[in-house]
PDBML (XML) file of the C-alpha atoms, coordinates in Angstrom:
<?xml version="1.0" encoding="UTF-8" ?>
<PDBx:datablock datablockName="MODEL"
   xmlns:PDBx="http://pdbml.pdb.org/schema/pdbx-v50.xsd"
   xmlns:xsi="http://www.w3.org/2001/XMLSchema-instance"
   xsi:schemaLocation="http://pdbml.pdb.org/schema/pdbx-v50.xsd pdbx-v50.xsd">
   <PDBx:atom_siteCategory>
      <PDBx:atom_site id="1">
         <PDBx:B_iso_or_equiv>0.00</PDBx:B_iso_or_equiv>
         <PDBx:Cartn_x>-61.547</PDBx:Cartn_x>
         <PDBx:Cartn_y>46.056</PDBx:Cartn_y>
         <PDBx:Cartn_z>28.962</PDBx:Cartn_z>
         <PDBx:auth_asym_id>A</PDBx:auth_asym_id>
         <PDBx:auth_atom_id>CA</PDBx:auth_atom_id>
         <PDBx:auth_comp_id>ARG</PDBx:auth_comp_id>
         <PDBx:auth_seq_id>1</PDBx:auth_seq_id>
         <PDBx:group_PDB>ATOM</PDBx:group_PDB>
         <PDBx:label_alt_id xsi:nil="true" />
         <PDBx:label_asym_id>A</PDBx:label_asym_id>
         <PDBx:label_atom_id>CA</PDBx:label_atom_id>
         <PDBx:label_comp_id>ARG</PDBx:label_comp_id>
         <PDBx:label_entity_id>1</PDBx:label_entity_id>
         <PDBx:label_seq_id>1</PDBx:label_seq_id>
         <PDBx:occupancy>1.00</PDBx:occupancy>
         <PDBx:pdbx_PDB_model_num>1</PDBx:pdbx_PDB_model_num>
         <PDBx:type_symbol>C</PDBx:type_symbol>
      </PDBx:atom_site>
      <PDBx:atom_site id="2">
         <PDBx:B_iso_or_equiv>0.00</PDBx:B_iso_or_equiv>
         <PDBx:Cartn_x>-59.343</PDBx:Cartn_x>
         <PDBx:Cartn_y>48.719</PDBx:Cartn_y>
         <PDBx:Cartn_z>27.373</PDBx:Cartn_z>
         <PDBx:auth_asym_id>A</PDBx:auth_asym_id>
         <PDBx:auth_atom_id>CA</PDBx:auth_atom_id>
         <PDBx:auth_comp_id>GLN</PDBx:auth_comp_id>
         <PDBx:auth_seq_id>2</PDBx:auth_seq_id>
         <PDBx:group_PDB>ATOM</PDBx:group_PDB>
         <PDBx:label_alt_id xsi:nil="true" />
         <PDBx:label_asym_id>A</PDBx:label_asym_id>
         <PDBx:label_atom_id>CA</PDBx:label_atom_id>
         <PDBx:label_comp_id>GLN</PDBx:label_comp_id>
         <PDBx:label_entity_id>1</PDBx:label_entity_id>
         <PDBx:label_seq_id>2</PDBx:label_seq_id>
         <PDBx:occupancy>1.00</PDBx:occupancy>
         <PDBx:pdbx_PDB_model_num>1</PDBx:pdbx_PDB_model_num>
         <PDBx:type_symbol>C</PDBx:type_symbol>
      </PDBx:atom_site>
      <PDBx:atom_site id="3">
         <PDBx:B_iso_or_equiv>0.00</PDBx:B_iso_or_equiv>
         <PDBx:Cartn_x>-56.406</PDBx:Cartn_x>
         <PDBx:Cartn_y>48.260</PDBx:Cartn_y>
         <PDBx:Cartn_z>29.754</PDBx:Cartn_z>
         <PDBx:auth_asym_id>A</PDBx:auth_asym_id>
         <PDBx:auth_atom_id>CA</PDBx:auth_atom_id>
         <PDBx:auth_comp_id>ILE</PDBx:auth_comp_id>
         <PDBx:auth_seq_id>3</PDBx:auth_seq_id>
         <PDBx:group_PDB>ATOM</PDBx:group_PDB>
         <PDBx:label_alt_id xsi:nil="true" />
         <PDBx:label_asym_id>A</PDBx:label_asym_id>
         <PDBx:label_atom_id>CA</PDBx:label_atom_id>
         <PDBx:label_comp_id>ILE</PDBx:label_comp_id>
         <PDBx:label_entity_id>1</PDBx:label_entity_id>
         <PDBx:label_seq_id>3</PDBx:label_seq_id>
         <PDBx:occupancy>1.00</PDBx:occupancy>
         <PDBx:pdbx_PDB_model_num>1</PDBx:pdbx_PDB_model_num>
         <PDBx:type_symbol>C</PDBx:type_symbol>
      </PDBx:atom_site>
      <PDBx:atom_site id="4">
         <PDBx:B_iso_or_equiv>0.00</PDBx:B_iso_or_equiv>
         <PDBx:Cartn_x>-56.781</PDBx:Cartn_x>
         <PDBx:Cartn_y>44.460</PDBx:Cartn_y>
         <PDBx:Cartn_z>30.277</PDBx:Cartn_z>
         <PDBx:auth_asym_id>A</PDBx:auth_asym_id>
         <PDBx:auth_atom_id>CA</PDBx:auth_atom_id>
         <PDBx:auth_comp_id>ALA</PDBx:auth_comp_id>
         <PDBx:auth_seq_id>4</PDBx:auth_seq_id>
         <PDBx:group_PDB>ATOM</PDBx:group_PDB>
         <PDBx:label_alt_id xsi:nil="true" />
         <PDBx:label_asym_id>A</PDBx:label_asym_id>
         <PDBx:label_atom_id>CA</PDBx:label_atom_id>
         <PDBx:label_comp_id>ALA</PDBx:label_comp_id>
         <PDBx:label_entity_id>1</PDBx:label_entity_id>
         <PDBx:label_seq_id>4</PDBx:label_seq_id>
         <PDBx:occupancy>1.00</PDBx:occupancy>
         <PDBx:pdbx_PDB_model_num>1</PDBx:pdbx_PDB_model_num>
         <PDBx:type_symbol>C</PDBx:type_symbol>
      </PDBx:atom_site>
      <PDBx:atom_site id="5">
         <PDBx:B_iso_or_equiv>0.00</PDBx:B_iso_or_equiv>
         <PDBx:Cartn_x>-58.739</PDBx:Cartn_x>
         <PDBx:Cartn_y>42.827</PDBx:Cartn_y>
         <PDBx:Cartn_z>27.465</PDBx:Cartn_z>
         <PDBx:auth_asym_id>A</PDBx:auth_asym_id>
         <PDBx:auth_atom_id>CA</PDBx:auth_atom_id>
         <PDBx:auth_comp_id>PRO</PDBx:auth_comp_id>
         <PDBx:auth_seq_id>5</PDBx:auth_seq_id>
         <PDBx:group_PDB>ATOM</PDBx:group_PDB>
         <PDBx:label_alt_id xsi:nil="true" />
         <PDBx:label_asym_id>A</PDBx:label_asym_id>
         <PDBx:label_atom_id>CA</PDBx:label_atom_id>
         <PDBx:label_comp_id>PRO</PDBx:label_comp_id>
         <PDBx:label_entity_id>1</PDBx:label_entity_id>
         <PDBx:label_seq_id>5</PDBx:label_seq_id>
         <PDBx:occupancy>1.00</PDBx:occupancy>
         <PDBx:pdbx_PDB_model_num>1</PDBx:pdbx_PDB_model_num>
         <PDBx:type_symbol>C</PDBx:type_symbol>
      </PDBx:atom_site>
      <PDBx:atom_site id="6">
         <PDBx:B_iso_or_equiv>0.00</PDBx:B_iso_or_equiv>
         <PDBx:Cartn_x>-58.256</PDBx:Cartn_x>
         <PDBx:Cartn_y>39.260</PDBx:Cartn_y>
         <PDBx:Cartn_z>28.690</PDBx:Cartn_z>
         <PDBx:auth_asym_id>A</PDBx:auth_asym_id>
         <PDBx:auth_atom_id>CA</PDBx:auth_atom_id>
         <PDBx:auth_comp_id>SER</PDBx:auth_comp_id>
         <PDBx:auth_seq_id>6</PDBx:auth_seq_id>
         <PDBx:group_PDB>ATOM</PDBx:group_PDB>
         <PDBx:label_alt_id xsi:nil="true" />
         <PDBx:label_asym_id>A</PDBx:label_asym_id>
         <PDBx:label_atom_id>CA</PDBx:label_atom_id>
         <PDBx:label_comp_id>SER</PDBx:label_comp_id>
         <PDBx:label_entity_id>1</PDBx:label_entity_id>
         <PDBx:label_seq_id>6</PDBx:label_seq_id>
         <PDBx:occupancy>1.00</PDBx:occupancy>
         <PDBx:pdbx_PDB_model_num>1</PDBx:pdbx_PDB_model_num>
         <PDBx:type_symbol>C</PDBx:type_symbol>
      </PDBx:atom_site>
      <PDBx:atom_site id="7">
         <PDBx:B_iso_or_equiv>0.00</PDBx:B_iso_or_equiv>
         <PDBx:Cartn_x>-59.559</PDBx:Cartn_x>
         <PDBx:Cartn_y>39.882</PDBx:Cartn_y>
         <PDBx:Cartn_z>32.183</PDBx:Cartn_z>
         <PDBx:auth_asym_id>A</PDBx:auth_asym_id>
         <PDBx:auth_atom_id>CA</PDBx:auth_atom_id>
         <PDBx:auth_comp_id>THR</PDBx:auth_comp_id>
         <PDBx:auth_seq_id>7</PDBx:auth_seq_id>
         <PDBx:group_PDB>ATOM</PDBx:group_PDB>
         <PDBx:label_alt_id xsi:nil="true" />
         <PDBx:label_asym_id>A</PDBx:label_asym_id>
         <PDBx:label_atom_id>CA</PDBx:label_atom_id>
         <PDBx:label_comp_id>THR</PDBx:label_comp_id>
         <PDBx:label_entity_id>1</PDBx:label_entity_id>
         <PDBx:label_seq_id>7</PDBx:label_seq_id>
         <PDBx:occupancy>1.00</PDBx:occupancy>
         <PDBx:pdbx_PDB_model_num>1</PDBx:pdbx_PDB_model_num>
         <PDBx:type_symbol>C</PDBx:type_symbol>
      </PDBx:atom_site>
      <PDBx:atom_site id="8">
         <PDBx:B_iso_or_equiv>0.00</PDBx:B_iso_or_equiv>
         <PDBx:Cartn_x>-62.949</PDBx:Cartn_x>
         <PDBx:Cartn_y>38.364</PDBx:Cartn_y>
         <PDBx:Cartn_z>32.746</PDBx:Cartn_z>
         <PDBx:auth_asym_id>A</PDBx:auth_asym_id>
         <PDBx:auth_atom_id>CA</PDBx:auth_atom_id>
         <PDBx:auth_comp_id>LYS</PDBx:auth_comp_id>
         <PDBx:auth_seq_id>8</PDBx:auth_seq_id>
         <PDBx:group_PDB>ATOM</PDBx:group_PDB>
         <PDBx:label_alt_id xsi:nil="true" />
         <PDBx:label_asym_id>A</PDBx:label_asym_id>
         <PDBx:label_atom_id>CA</PDBx:label_atom_id>
         <PDBx:label_comp_id>LYS</PDBx:label_comp_id>
         <PDBx:label_entity_id>1</PDBx:label_entity_id>
         <PDBx:label_seq_id>8</PDBx:label_seq_id>
         <PDBx:occupancy>1.00</PDBx:occupancy>
         <PDBx:pdbx_PDB_model_num>1</PDBx:pdbx_PDB_model_num>
         <PDBx:type_symbol>C</PDBx:type_symbol>
      </PDBx:atom_site>
      <PDBx:atom_site id="9">
         <PDBx:B_iso_or_equiv>0.00</PDBx:B_iso_or_equiv>
         <PDBx:Cartn_x>-65.612</PDBx:Cartn_x>
         <PDBx:Cartn_y>40.510</PDBx:Cartn_y>
         <PDBx:Cartn_z>34.228</PDBx:Cartn_z>
         <PDBx:auth_asym_id>A</PDBx:auth_asym_id>
         <PDBx:auth_atom_id>CA</PDBx:auth_atom_id>
         <PDBx:auth_comp_id>ILE</PDBx:auth_comp_id>
         <PDBx:auth_seq_id>9</PDBx:auth_seq_id>
         <PDBx:group_PDB>ATOM</PDBx:group_PDB>
         <PDBx:label_alt_id xsi:nil="true" />
         <PDBx:label_asym_id>A</PDBx:label_asym_id>
         <PDBx:label_atom_id>CA</PDBx:label_atom_id>
         <PDBx:label_comp_id>ILE</PDBx:label_comp_id>
         <PDBx:label_entity_id>1</PDBx:label_entity_id>
         <PDBx:label_seq_id>9</PDBx:label_seq_id>
         <PDBx:occupancy>1.00</PDBx:occupancy>
         <PDBx:pdbx_PDB_model_num>1</PDBx:pdbx_PDB_model_num>
         <PDBx:type_symbol>C</PDBx:type_symbol>
      </PDBx:atom_site>
      <PDBx:atom_site id="10">
         <PDBx:B_iso_or_equiv>0.00</PDBx:B_iso_or_equiv>
         <PDBx:Cartn_x>-68.411</PDBx:Cartn_x>
         <PDBx:Cartn_y>39.251</PDBx:Cartn_y>
         <PDBx:Cartn_z>36.331</PDBx:Cartn_z>
         <PDBx:auth_asym_id>A</PDBx:auth_asym_id>
         <PDBx:auth_atom_id>CA</PDBx:auth_atom_id>
         <PDBx:auth_comp_id>VAL</PDBx:auth_comp_id>
         <PDBx:auth_seq_id>10</PDBx:auth_seq_id>
         <PDBx:group_PDB>ATOM</PDBx:group_PDB>
         <PDBx:label_alt_id xsi:nil="true" />
         <PDBx:label_asym_id>A</PDBx:label_asym_id>
         <PDBx:label_atom_id>CA</PDBx:label_atom_id>
         <PDBx:label_comp_id>VAL</PDBx:label_comp_id>
         <PDBx:label_entity_id>1</PDBx:label_entity_id>
         <PDBx:label_seq_id>10</PDBx:label_seq_id>
         <PDBx:occupancy>1.00</PDBx:occupancy>
         <PDBx:pdbx_PDB_model_num>1</PDBx:pdbx_PDB_model_num>
         <PDBx:type_symbol>C</PDBx:type_symbol>
      </PDBx:atom_site>
      <PDBx:atom_site id="11">
         <PDBx:B_iso_or_equiv>0.00</PDBx:B_iso_or_equiv>
         <PDBx:Cartn_x>-71.025</PDBx:Cartn_x>
         <PDBx:Cartn_y>41.520</PDBx:Cartn_y>
         <PDBx:Cartn_z>37.462</PDBx:Cartn_z>
         <PDBx:auth_asym_id>A</PDBx:auth_asym_id>
         <PDBx:auth_atom_id>CA</PDBx:auth_atom_id>
         <PDBx:auth_comp_id>PHE</PDBx:auth_comp_id>
         <PDBx:auth_seq_id>11</PDBx:auth_seq_id>
         <PDBx:group_PDB>ATOM</PDBx:group_PDB>
         <PDBx:label_alt_id xsi:nil="true" />
         <PDBx:label_asym_id>A</PDBx:label_asym_id>
         <PDBx:label_atom_id>CA</PDBx:label_atom_id>
         <PDBx:label_comp_id>PHE</PDBx:label_comp_id>
         <PDBx:label_entity_id>1</PDBx:label_entity_id>
         <PDBx:label_seq_id>11</PDBx:label_seq_id>
         <PDBx:occupancy>1.00</PDBx:occupancy>
         <PDBx:pdbx_PDB_model_num>1</PDBx:pdbx_PDB_model_num>
         <PDBx:type_symbol>C</PDBx:type_symbol>
      </PDBx:atom_site>
      <PDBx:atom_site id="12">
         <PDBx:B_iso_or_equiv>0.00</PDBx:B_iso_or_equiv>
         <PDBx:Cartn_x>-72.293</PDBx:Cartn_x>
         <PDBx:Cartn_y>40.790</PDBx:Cartn_y>
         <PDBx:Cartn_z>40.945</PDBx:Cartn_z>
         <PDBx:auth_asym_id>A</PDBx:auth_asym_id>
         <PDBx:auth_atom_id>CA</PDBx:auth_atom_id>
         <PDBx:auth_comp_id>LEU</PDBx:auth_comp_id>
         <PDBx:auth_seq_id>12</PDBx:auth_seq_id>
         <PDBx:group_PDB>ATOM</PDBx:group_PDB>
         <PDBx:label_alt_id xsi:nil="true" />
         <PDBx:label_asym_id>A</PDBx:label_asym_id>
         <PDBx:label_atom_id>CA</PDBx:label_atom_id>
         <PDBx:label_comp_id>LEU</PDBx:label_comp_id>
         <PDBx:label_entity_id>1</PDBx:label_entity_id>
         <PDBx:label_seq_id>12</PDBx:label_seq_id>
         <PDBx:occupancy>1.00</PDBx:occupancy>
         <PDBx:pdbx_PDB_model_num>1</PDBx:pdbx_PDB_model_num>
         <PDBx:type_symbol>C</PDBx:type_symbol>
      </PDBx:atom_site>
      <PDBx:atom_site id="13">
         <PDBx:B_iso_or_equiv>0.00</PDBx:B_iso_or_equiv>
         <PDBx:Cartn_x>-75.019</PDBx:Cartn_x>
         <PDBx:Cartn_y>43.102</PDBx:Cartn_y>
         <PDBx:Cartn_z>41.867</PDBx:Cartn_z>
         <PDBx:auth_asym_id>A</PDBx:auth_asym_id>
         <PDBx:auth_atom_id>CA</PDBx:auth_atom_id>
         <PDBx:auth_comp_id>THR</PDBx:auth_comp_id>
         <PDBx:auth_seq_id>13</PDBx:auth_seq_id>
         <PDBx:group_PDB>ATOM</PDBx:group_PDB>
         <PDBx:label_alt_id xsi:nil="true" />
         <PDBx:label_asym_id>A</PDBx:label_asym_id>
         <PDBx:label_atom_id>CA</PDBx:label_atom_id>
         <PDBx:label_comp_id>THR</PDBx:label_comp_id>
         <PDBx:label_entity_id>1</PDBx:label_entity_id>
         <PDBx:label_seq_id>13</PDBx:label_seq_id>
         <PDBx:occupancy>1.00</PDBx:occupancy>
         <PDBx:pdbx_PDB_model_num>1</PDBx:pdbx_PDB_model_num>
         <PDBx:type_symbol>C</PDBx:type_symbol>
      </PDBx:atom_site>
      <PDBx:atom_site id="14">
         <PDBx:B_iso_or_equiv>0.00</PDBx:B_iso_or_equiv>
         <PDBx:Cartn_x>-78.366</PDBx:Cartn_x>
         <PDBx:Cartn_y>43.490</PDBx:Cartn_y>
         <PDBx:Cartn_z>43.547</PDBx:Cartn_z>
         <PDBx:auth_asym_id>A</PDBx:auth_asym_id>
         <PDBx:auth_atom_id>CA</PDBx:auth_atom_id>
         <PDBx:auth_comp_id>VAL</PDBx:auth_comp_id>
         <PDBx:auth_seq_id>14</PDBx:auth_seq_id>
         <PDBx:group_PDB>ATOM</PDBx:group_PDB>
         <PDBx:label_alt_id xsi:nil="true" />
         <PDBx:label_asym_id>A</PDBx:label_asym_id>
         <PDBx:label_atom_id>CA</PDBx:label_atom_id>
         <PDBx:label_comp_id>VAL</PDBx:label_comp_id>
         <PDBx:label_entity_id>1</PDBx:label_entity_id>
         <PDBx:label_seq_id>14</PDBx:label_seq_id>
         <PDBx:occupancy>1.00</PDBx:occupancy>
         <PDBx:pdbx_PDB_model_num>1</PDBx:pdbx_PDB_model_num>
         <PDBx:type_symbol>C</PDBx:type_symbol>
      </PDBx:atom_site>
      <PDBx:atom_site id="15">
         <PDBx:B_iso_or_equiv>0.00</PDBx:B_iso_or_equiv>
         <PDBx:Cartn_x>-80.014</PDBx:Cartn_x>
         <PDBx:Cartn_y>44.029</PDBx:Cartn_y>
         <PDBx:Cartn_z>40.235</PDBx:Cartn_z>
         <PDBx:auth_asym_id>A</PDBx:auth_asym_id>
         <PDBx:auth_atom_id>CA</PDBx:auth_atom_id>
         <PDBx:auth_comp_id>HIS</PDBx:auth_comp_id>
         <PDBx:auth_seq_id>15</PDBx:auth_seq_id>
         <PDBx:group_PDB>ATOM</PDBx:group_PDB>
         <PDBx:label_alt_id xsi:nil="true" />
         <PDBx:label_asym_id>A</PDBx:label_asym_id>
         <PDBx:label_atom_id>CA</PDBx:label_atom_id>
         <PDBx:label_comp_id>HIS</PDBx:label_comp_id>
         <PDBx:label_entity_id>1</PDBx:label_entity_id>
         <PDBx:label_seq_id>15</PDBx:label_seq_id>
         <PDBx:occupancy>1.00</PDBx:occupancy>
         <PDBx:pdbx_PDB_model_num>1</PDBx:pdbx_PDB_model_num>
         <PDBx:type_symbol>C</PDBx:type_symbol>
      </PDBx:atom_site>
      <PDBx:atom_site id="16">
         <PDBx:B_iso_or_equiv>0.00</PDBx:B_iso_or_equiv>
         <PDBx:Cartn_x>-81.914</PDBx:Cartn_x>
         <PDBx:Cartn_y>41.093</PDBx:Cartn_y>
         <PDBx:Cartn_z>38.908</PDBx:Cartn_z>
         <PDBx:auth_asym_id>A</PDBx:auth_asym_id>
         <PDBx:auth_atom_id>CA</PDBx:auth_atom_id>
         <PDBx:auth_comp_id>LYS</PDBx:auth_comp_id>
         <PDBx:auth_seq_id>16</PDBx:auth_seq_id>
         <PDBx:group_PDB>ATOM</PDBx:group_PDB>
         <PDBx:label_alt_id xsi:nil="true" />
         <PDBx:label_asym_id>A</PDBx:label_asym_id>
         <PDBx:label_atom_id>CA</PDBx:label_atom_id>
         <PDBx:label_comp_id>LYS</PDBx:label_comp_id>
         <PDBx:label_entity_id>1</PDBx:label_entity_id>
         <PDBx:label_seq_id>16</PDBx:label_seq_id>
         <PDBx:occupancy>1.00</PDBx:occupancy>
         <PDBx:pdbx_PDB_model_num>1</PDBx:pdbx_PDB_model_num>
         <PDBx:type_symbol>C</PDBx:type_symbol>
      </PDBx:atom_site>
      <PDBx:atom_site id="17">
         <PDBx:B_iso_or_equiv>0.00</PDBx:B_iso_or_equiv>
         <PDBx:Cartn_x>-83.538</PDBx:Cartn_x>
         <PDBx:Cartn_y>42.902</PDBx:Cartn_y>
         <PDBx:Cartn_z>35.984</PDBx:Cartn_z>
         <PDBx:auth_asym_id>A</PDBx:auth_asym_id>
         <PDBx:auth_atom_id>CA</PDBx:auth_atom_id>
         <PDBx:auth_comp_id>SER</PDBx:auth_comp_id>
         <PDBx:auth_seq_id>17</PDBx:auth_seq_id>
         <PDBx:group_PDB>ATOM</PDBx:group_PDB>
         <PDBx:label_alt_id xsi:nil="true" />
         <PDBx:label_asym_id>A</PDBx:label_asym_id>
         <PDBx:label_atom_id>CA</PDBx:label_atom_id>
         <PDBx:label_comp_id>SER</PDBx:label_comp_id>
         <PDBx:label_entity_id>1</PDBx:label_entity_id>
         <PDBx:label_seq_id>17</PDBx:label_seq_id>
         <PDBx:occupancy>1.00</PDBx:occupancy>
         <PDBx:pdbx_PDB_model_num>1</PDBx:pdbx_PDB_model_num>
         <PDBx:type_symbol>C</PDBx:type_symbol>
      </PDBx:atom_site>
      <PDBx:atom_site id="18">
         <PDBx:B_iso_or_equiv>0.00</PDBx:B_iso_or_equiv>
         <PDBx:Cartn_x>-83.109</PDBx:Cartn_x>
         <PDBx:Cartn_y>41.054</PDBx:Cartn_y>
         <PDBx:Cartn_z>32.597</PDBx:Cartn_z>
         <PDBx:auth_asym_id>A</PDBx:auth_asym_id>
         <PDBx:auth_atom_id>CA</PDBx:auth_atom_id>
         <PDBx:auth_comp_id>PRO</PDBx:auth_comp_id>
         <PDBx:auth_seq_id>18</PDBx:auth_seq_id>
         <PDBx:group_PDB>ATOM</PDBx:group_PDB>
         <PDBx:label_alt_id xsi:nil="true" />
         <PDBx:label_asym_id>A</PDBx:label_asym_id>
         <PDBx:label_atom_id>CA</PDBx:label_atom_id>
         <PDBx:label_comp_id>PRO</PDBx:label_comp_id>
         <PDBx:label_entity_id>1</PDBx:label_entity_id>
         <PDBx:label_seq_id>18</PDBx:label_seq_id>
         <PDBx:occupancy>1.00</PDBx:occupancy>
         <PDBx:pdbx_PDB_model_num>1</PDBx:pdbx_PDB_model_num>
         <PDBx:type_symbol>C</PDBx:type_symbol>
      </PDBx:atom_site>
      <PDBx:atom_site id="19">
         <PDBx:B_iso_or_equiv>0.00</PDBx:B_iso_or_equiv>
         <PDBx:Cartn_x>-82.559</PDBx:Cartn_x>
         <PDBx:Cartn_y>44.428</PDBx:Cartn_y>
         <PDBx:Cartn_z>31.011</PDBx:Cartn_z>
         <PDBx:auth_asym_id>A</PDBx:auth_asym_id>
         <PDBx:auth_atom_id>CA</PDBx:auth_atom_id>
         <PDBx:auth_comp_id>ASP</PDBx:auth_comp_id>
         <PDBx:auth_seq_id>19</PDBx:auth_seq_id>
         <PDBx:group_PDB>ATOM</PDBx:group_PDB>
         <PDBx:label_alt_id xsi:nil="true" />
         <PDBx:label_asym_id>A</PDBx:label_asym_id>
         <PDBx:label_atom_id>CA</PDBx:label_atom_id>
         <PDBx:label_comp_id>ASP</PDBx:label_comp_id>
         <PDBx:label_entity_id>1</PDBx:label_entity_id>
         <PDBx:label_seq_id>19</PDBx:label_seq_id>
         <PDBx:occupancy>1.00</PDBx:occupancy>
         <PDBx:pdbx_PDB_model_num>1</PDBx:pdbx_PDB_model_num>
         <PDBx:type_symbol>C</PDBx:type_symbol>
      </PDBx:atom_site>
      <PDBx:atom_site id="20">
         <PDBx:B_iso_or_equiv>0.00</PDBx:B_iso_or_equiv>
         <PDBx:Cartn_x>-79.621</PDBx:Cartn_x>
         <PDBx:Cartn_y>45.045</PDBx:Cartn_y>
         <PDBx:Cartn_z>33.388</PDBx:Cartn_z>
         <PDBx:auth_asym_id>A</PDBx:auth_asym_id>
         <PDBx:auth_atom_id>CA</PDBx:auth_atom_id>
         <PDBx:auth_comp_id>ILE</PDBx:auth_comp_id>
         <PDBx:auth_seq_id>20</PDBx:auth_seq_id>
         <PDBx:group_PDB>ATOM</PDBx:group_PDB>
         <PDBx:label_alt_id xsi:nil="true" />
         <PDBx:label_asym_id>A</PDBx:label_asym_id>
         <PDBx:label_atom_id>CA</PDBx:label_atom_id>
         <PDBx:label_comp_id>ILE</PDBx:label_comp_id>
         <PDBx:label_entity_id>1</PDBx:label_entity_id>
         <PDBx:label_seq_id>20</PDBx:label_seq_id>
         <PDBx:occupancy>1.00</PDBx:occupancy>
         <PDBx:pdbx_PDB_model_num>1</PDBx:pdbx_PDB_model_num>
         <PDBx:type_symbol>C</PDBx:type_symbol>
      </PDBx:atom_site>
      <PDBx:atom_site id="21">
         <PDBx:B_iso_or_equiv>0.00</PDBx:B_iso_or_equiv>
         <PDBx:Cartn_x>-78.167</PDBx:Cartn_x>
         <PDBx:Cartn_y>41.570</PDBx:Cartn_y>
         <PDBx:Cartn_z>32.643</PDBx:Cartn_z>
         <PDBx:auth_asym_id>A</PDBx:auth_asym_id>
         <PDBx:auth_atom_id>CA</PDBx:auth_atom_id>
         <PDBx:auth_comp_id>ALA</PDBx:auth_comp_id>
         <PDBx:auth_seq_id>21</PDBx:auth_seq_id>
         <PDBx:group_PDB>ATOM</PDBx:group_PDB>
         <PDBx:label_alt_id xsi:nil="true" />
         <PDBx:label_asym_id>A</PDBx:label_asym_id>
         <PDBx:label_atom_id>CA</PDBx:label_atom_id>
         <PDBx:label_comp_id>ALA</PDBx:label_comp_id>
         <PDBx:label_entity_id>1</PDBx:label_entity_id>
         <PDBx:label_seq_id>21</PDBx:label_seq_id>
         <PDBx:occupancy>1.00</PDBx:occupancy>
         <PDBx:pdbx_PDB_model_num>1</PDBx:pdbx_PDB_model_num>
         <PDBx:type_symbol>C</PDBx:type_symbol>
      </PDBx:atom_site>
      <PDBx:atom_site id="22">
         <PDBx:B_iso_or_equiv>0.00</PDBx:B_iso_or_equiv>
         <PDBx:Cartn_x>-78.540</PDBx:Cartn_x>
         <PDBx:Cartn_y>42.208</PDBx:Cartn_y>
         <PDBx:Cartn_z>28.869</PDBx:Cartn_z>
         <PDBx:auth_asym_id>A</PDBx:auth_asym_id>
         <PDBx:auth_atom_id>CA</PDBx:auth_atom_id>
         <PDBx:auth_comp_id>LYS</PDBx:auth_comp_id>
         <PDBx:auth_seq_id>22</PDBx:auth_seq_id>
         <PDBx:group_PDB>ATOM</PDBx:group_PDB>
         <PDBx:label_alt_id xsi:nil="true" />
         <PDBx:label_asym_id>A</PDBx:label_asym_id>
         <PDBx:label_atom_id>CA</PDBx:label_atom_id>
         <PDBx:label_comp_id>LYS</PDBx:label_comp_id>
         <PDBx:label_entity_id>1</PDBx:label_entity_id>
         <PDBx:label_seq_id>22</PDBx:label_seq_id>
         <PDBx:occupancy>1.00</PDBx:occupancy>
         <PDBx:pdbx_PDB_model_num>1</PDBx:pdbx_PDB_model_num>
         <PDBx:type_symbol>C</PDBx:type_symbol>
      </PDBx:atom_site>
      <PDBx:atom_site id="23">
         <PDBx:B_iso_or_equiv>0.00</PDBx:B_iso_or_equiv>
         <PDBx:Cartn_x>-76.995</PDBx:Cartn_x>
         <PDBx:Cartn_y>45.627</PDBx:Cartn_y>
         <PDBx:Cartn_z>29.050</PDBx:Cartn_z>
         <PDBx:auth_asym_id>A</PDBx:auth_asym_id>
         <PDBx:auth_atom_id>CA</PDBx:auth_atom_id>
         <PDBx:auth_comp_id>ALA</PDBx:auth_comp_id>
         <PDBx:auth_seq_id>23</PDBx:auth_seq_id>
         <PDBx:group_PDB>ATOM</PDBx:group_PDB>
         <PDBx:label_alt_id xsi:nil="true" />
         <PDBx:label_asym_id>A</PDBx:label_asym_id>
         <PDBx:label_atom_id>CA</PDBx:label_atom_id>
         <PDBx:label_comp_id>ALA</PDBx:label_comp_id>
         <PDBx:label_entity_id>1</PDBx:label_entity_id>
         <PDBx:label_seq_id>23</PDBx:label_seq_id>
         <PDBx:occupancy>1.00</PDBx:occupancy>
         <PDBx:pdbx_PDB_model_num>1</PDBx:pdbx_PDB_model_num>
         <PDBx:type_symbol>C</PDBx:type_symbol>
      </PDBx:atom_site>
      <PDBx:atom_site id="24">
         <PDBx:B_iso_or_equiv>0.00</PDBx:B_iso_or_equiv>
         <PDBx:Cartn_x>-73.908</PDBx:Cartn_x>
         <PDBx:Cartn_y>44.151</PDBx:Cartn_y>
         <PDBx:Cartn_z>30.862</PDBx:Cartn_z>
         <PDBx:auth_asym_id>A</PDBx:auth_asym_id>
         <PDBx:auth_atom_id>CA</PDBx:auth_atom_id>
         <PDBx:auth_comp_id>THR</PDBx:auth_comp_id>
         <PDBx:auth_seq_id>24</PDBx:auth_seq_id>
         <PDBx:group_PDB>ATOM</PDBx:group_PDB>
         <PDBx:label_alt_id xsi:nil="true" />
         <PDBx:label_asym_id>A</PDBx:label_asym_id>
         <PDBx:label_atom_id>CA</PDBx:label_atom_id>
         <PDBx:label_comp_id>THR</PDBx:label_comp_id>
         <PDBx:label_entity_id>1</PDBx:label_entity_id>
         <PDBx:label_seq_id>24</PDBx:label_seq_id>
         <PDBx:occupancy>1.00</PDBx:occupancy>
         <PDBx:pdbx_PDB_model_num>1</PDBx:pdbx_PDB_model_num>
         <PDBx:type_symbol>C</PDBx:type_symbol>
      </PDBx:atom_site>
      <PDBx:atom_site id="25">
         <PDBx:B_iso_or_equiv>0.00</PDBx:B_iso_or_equiv>
         <PDBx:Cartn_x>-73.327</PDBx:Cartn_x>
         <PDBx:Cartn_y>41.500</PDBx:Cartn_y>
         <PDBx:Cartn_z>28.126</PDBx:Cartn_z>
         <PDBx:auth_asym_id>A</PDBx:auth_asym_id>
         <PDBx:auth_atom_id>CA</PDBx:auth_atom_id>
         <PDBx:auth_comp_id>ARG</PDBx:auth_comp_id>
         <PDBx:auth_seq_id>25</PDBx:auth_seq_id>
         <PDBx:group_PDB>ATOM</PDBx:group_PDB>
         <PDBx:label_alt_id xsi:nil="true" />
         <PDBx:label_asym_id>A</PDBx:label_asym_id>
         <PDBx:label_atom_id>CA</PDBx:label_atom_id>
         <PDBx:label_comp_id>ARG</PDBx:label_comp_id>
         <PDBx:label_entity_id>1</PDBx:label_entity_id>
         <PDBx:label_seq_id>25</PDBx:label_seq_id>
         <PDBx:occupancy>1.00</PDBx:occupancy>
         <PDBx:pdbx_PDB_model_num>1</PDBx:pdbx_PDB_model_num>
         <PDBx:type_symbol>C</PDBx:type_symbol>
      </PDBx:atom_site>
   </PDBx:atom_siteCategory>
</PDBx:datablock>
């Protein structure tokens, strides 16, 4: 985000926890 602020980031992970999803927002 610091070097390419317009790049979109999609987390693709084994975690399904709502807490992890919330932390990545």
